[in-house]
Amino acid sequence: MSSKALQWMMKMRAIEREFKATQFSVNHVRGRAIAGEAILQGETKLRDLNGAVDRIEHTFIIRLFVEFESALRAFLDFEQQSQPKWAQG
């Protein structure tokens, strides 16, 4: 396995770990806010945390797609293959 492939796989796993850490953190803070603790700062409201909980998976899926696209472009460049016209931009 090439070092580039290993780096890419490690990056994907890091994104997964970041997702789990972020999900835990947001749920933890949300739970404390629901329990009535004065944990929210600035203009952050409970509805903001609820929105974050609802959309956190979507955010990280987009990150995974971005990383995958980046790896695919790097592979195509390495193989000196031209990108399909629909993928150029």
C-alpha atoms as a PDB file:
ATOM      1  CA  MET A   1       0.000   0.000   0.000  1.00  0.00           C
ATOM      2  CA  SER A   2       1.396   3.378  -0.945  1.00  0.00           C
ATOM      3  CA  SER A   3       2.033   6.006   1.682  1.00  0.00           C
ATOM      4  CA  LYS A   4      -0.485   8.308  -0.058  1.00  0.00           C
ATOM      5  CA  ALA A   5      -3.209   5.670   0.270  1.00  0.00           C
ATOM      6  CA  LEU A   6      -2.320   5.135   3.917  1.00  0.00           C
ATOM      7  CA  GLN A   7      -2.399   8.893   4.563  1.00  0.00           C
ATOM      8  CA  TRP A   8      -5.807   9.113   2.901  1.00  0.00           C
ATOM      9  CA  MET A   9      -7.204   6.233   4.967  1.00  0.00           C
ATOM     10  CA  MET A  10      -5.810   7.769   8.151  1.00  0.00           C
ATOM     11  CA  LYS A  11      -7.434  11.083   7.238  1.00  0.00           C
ATOM     12  CA  MET A  12     -10.797   9.367   6.704  1.00  0.00           C
ATOM     13  CA  ARG A  13     -10.514   7.662  10.101  1.00  0.00           C
ATOM     14  CA  ALA A  14      -9.590  11.006  11.686  1.00  0.00           C
ATOM     15  CA  ILE A  15     -12.754  12.545  10.234  1.00  0.00           C
ATOM     16  CA  GLU A  16     -14.766   9.688  11.745  1.00  0.00           C
ATOM     17  CA  ARG A  17     -13.151  10.269  15.158  1.00  0.00           C
ATOM     18  CA  GLU A  18     -13.798  14.017  14.879  1.00  0.00           C
ATOM     19  CA  PHE A  19     -17.428  13.276  14.066  1.00  0.00           C
ATOM     20  CA  LYS A  20     -17.821  11.097  17.150  1.00  0.00           C
ATOM     21  CA  ALA A  21     -16.070  13.667  19.372  1.00  0.00           C
ATOM     22  CA  THR A  22     -18.171  16.517  18.004  1.00  0.00           C
ATOM     23  CA  GLN A  23     -21.381  14.532  18.304  1.00  0.00           C
ATOM     24  CA  PHE A  24     -20.561  13.633  21.919  1.00  0.00           C
ATOM     25  CA  SER A  25     -19.648  17.223  22.777  1.00  0.00           C
ATOM     26  CA  VAL A  26     -22.722  18.794  21.238  1.00  0.00           C
ATOM     27  CA  ASN A  27     -25.016  16.216  22.852  1.00  0.00           C
ATOM     28  CA  HIS A  28     -23.291  16.720  26.211  1.00  0.00           C
ATOM     29  CA  VAL A  29     -23.629  20.505  26.130  1.00  0.00           C
ATOM     30  CA  ARG A  30     -27.217  20.204  24.865  1.00  0.00           C
ATOM     31  CA  GLY A  31     -28.088  17.843  27.732  1.00  0.00           C
ATOM     32  CA  ARG A  32     -26.617  20.206  30.302  1.00  0.00           C
ATOM     33  CA  ALA A  33     -28.490  23.143  28.758  1.00  0.00           C
ATOM     34  CA  ILE A  34     -31.767  21.201  28.834  1.00  0.00           C
ATOM     35  CA  ALA A  35     -31.079  20.389  32.493  1.00  0.00           C
ATOM     36  CA  GLY A  36     -31.024  24.122  33.159  1.00  0.00           C
ATOM     37  CA  GLU A  37     -27.305  24.727  33.547  1.00  0.00           C
ATOM     38  CA  ALA A  38     -26.071  28.115  32.378  1.00  0.00           C
ATOM     39  CA  ILE A  39     -23.597  26.610  29.933  1.00  0.00           C
ATOM     40  CA  LEU A  40     -24.449  28.446  26.716  1.00  0.00           C
ATOM     41  CA  GLN A  41     -22.284  31.420  25.853  1.00  0.00           C
ATOM     42  CA  GLY A  42     -22.773  34.479  23.699  1.00  0.00           C
ATOM     43  CA  GLU A  43     -25.765  34.375  21.422  1.00  0.00           C
ATOM     44  CA  THR A  44     -25.954  30.569  21.354  1.00  0.00           C
ATOM     45  CA  LYS A  45     -29.444  29.291  22.109  1.00  0.00           C
ATOM     46  CA  LEU A  46     -30.791  25.811  22.732  1.00  0.00           C
ATOM     47  CA  ARG A  47     -32.375  25.861  19.268  1.00  0.00           C
ATOM     48  CA  ASP A  48     -28.867  26.294  17.802  1.00  0.00           C
ATOM     49  CA  LEU A  49     -27.698  23.136  19.573  1.00  0.00           C
ATOM     50  CA  ASN A  50     -30.818  21.300  18.446  1.00  0.00           C
ATOM     51  CA  GLY A  51     -30.035  22.318  14.862  1.00  0.00           C
ATOM     52  CA  ALA A  52     -26.432  21.195  15.249  1.00  0.00           C
ATOM     53  CA  VAL A  53     -27.558  17.803  16.571  1.00  0.00           C
ATOM     54  CA  ASP A  54     -29.974  17.416  13.660  1.00  0.00           C
ATOM     55  CA  ARG A  55     -27.391  18.324  10.995  1.00  0.00           C
ATOM     56  CA  ILE A  56     -24.084  17.079  12.375  1.00  0.00           C
ATOM     57  CA  GLU A  57     -24.078  13.872  10.302  1.00  0.00           C
ATOM     58  CA  HIS A  58     -24.751  15.826   7.109  1.00  0.00           C
ATOM     59  CA  THR A  59     -21.817  18.117   7.832  1.00  0.00           C
ATOM     60  CA  PHE A  60     -19.399  15.236   8.269  1.00  0.00           C
ATOM     61  CA  ILE A  61     -20.722  13.358   5.223  1.00  0.00           C
ATOM     62  CA  ILE A  62     -19.903  16.442   3.164  1.00  0.00           C
ATOM     63  CA  ARG A  63     -16.391  16.438   4.649  1.00  0.00           C
ATOM     64  CA  LEU A  64     -15.979  12.783   3.669  1.00  0.00           C
ATOM     65  CA  PHE A  65     -17.060  13.531   0.102  1.00  0.00           C
ATOM     66  CA  VAL A  66     -14.626  16.453  -0.101  1.00  0.00           C
ATOM     67  CA  GLU A  67     -11.759  14.246   1.066  1.00  0.00           C
ATOM     68  CA  PHE A  68     -12.774  11.495  -1.336  1.00  0.00           C
ATOM     69  CA  GLU A  69     -12.914  13.940  -4.239  1.00  0.00           C
ATOM     70  CA  SER A  70      -9.500  15.306  -3.304  1.00  0.00           C
ATOM     71  CA  ALA A  71      -8.013  11.803  -3.205  1.00  0.00           C
ATOM     72  CA  LEU A  72      -9.630  10.915  -6.532  1.00  0.00           C
ATOM     73  CA  ARG A  73      -8.235  14.039  -8.203  1.00  0.00           C
ATOM     74  CA  ALA A  74      -4.777  13.280  -6.795  1.00  0.00           C
ATOM     75  CA  PHE A  75      -5.019   9.717  -8.106  1.00  0.00           C
ATOM     76  CA  LEU A  76      -6.060  10.899 -11.567  1.00  0.00           C
ATOM     77  CA  ASP A  77      -3.185  13.391 -11.615  1.00  0.00           C
ATOM     78  CA  PHE A  78      -0.746  10.685 -10.494  1.00  0.00           C
ATOM     79  CA  GLU A  79      -1.979   8.299 -13.170  1.00  0.00           C
ATOM     80  CA  GLN A  80      -1.874  11.179 -15.658  1.00  0.00           C
ATOM     81  CA  GLN A  81      -5.440  10.521 -16.636  1.00  0.00           C
ATOM     82  CA  SER A  82      -7.601  13.391 -17.659  1.00  0.00           C
ATOM     83  CA  GLN A  83     -10.592  14.178 -15.544  1.00  0.00           C
ATOM     84  CA  PRO A  84     -13.989  13.715 -17.143  1.00  0.00           C
ATOM     85  CA  LYS A  85     -15.394  16.968 -18.518  1.00  0.00           C
ATOM     86  CA  TRP A  86     -18.198  16.943 -15.945  1.00  0.00           C
ATOM     87  CA  ALA A  87     -15.632  16.829 -13.118  1.00  0.00           C
ATOM     88  CA  GLN A  88     -13.499  19.692 -14.323  1.00  0.00           C
ATOM     89  CA  GLY A  89     -14.012  23.021 -12.722  1.00  0.00           C
END
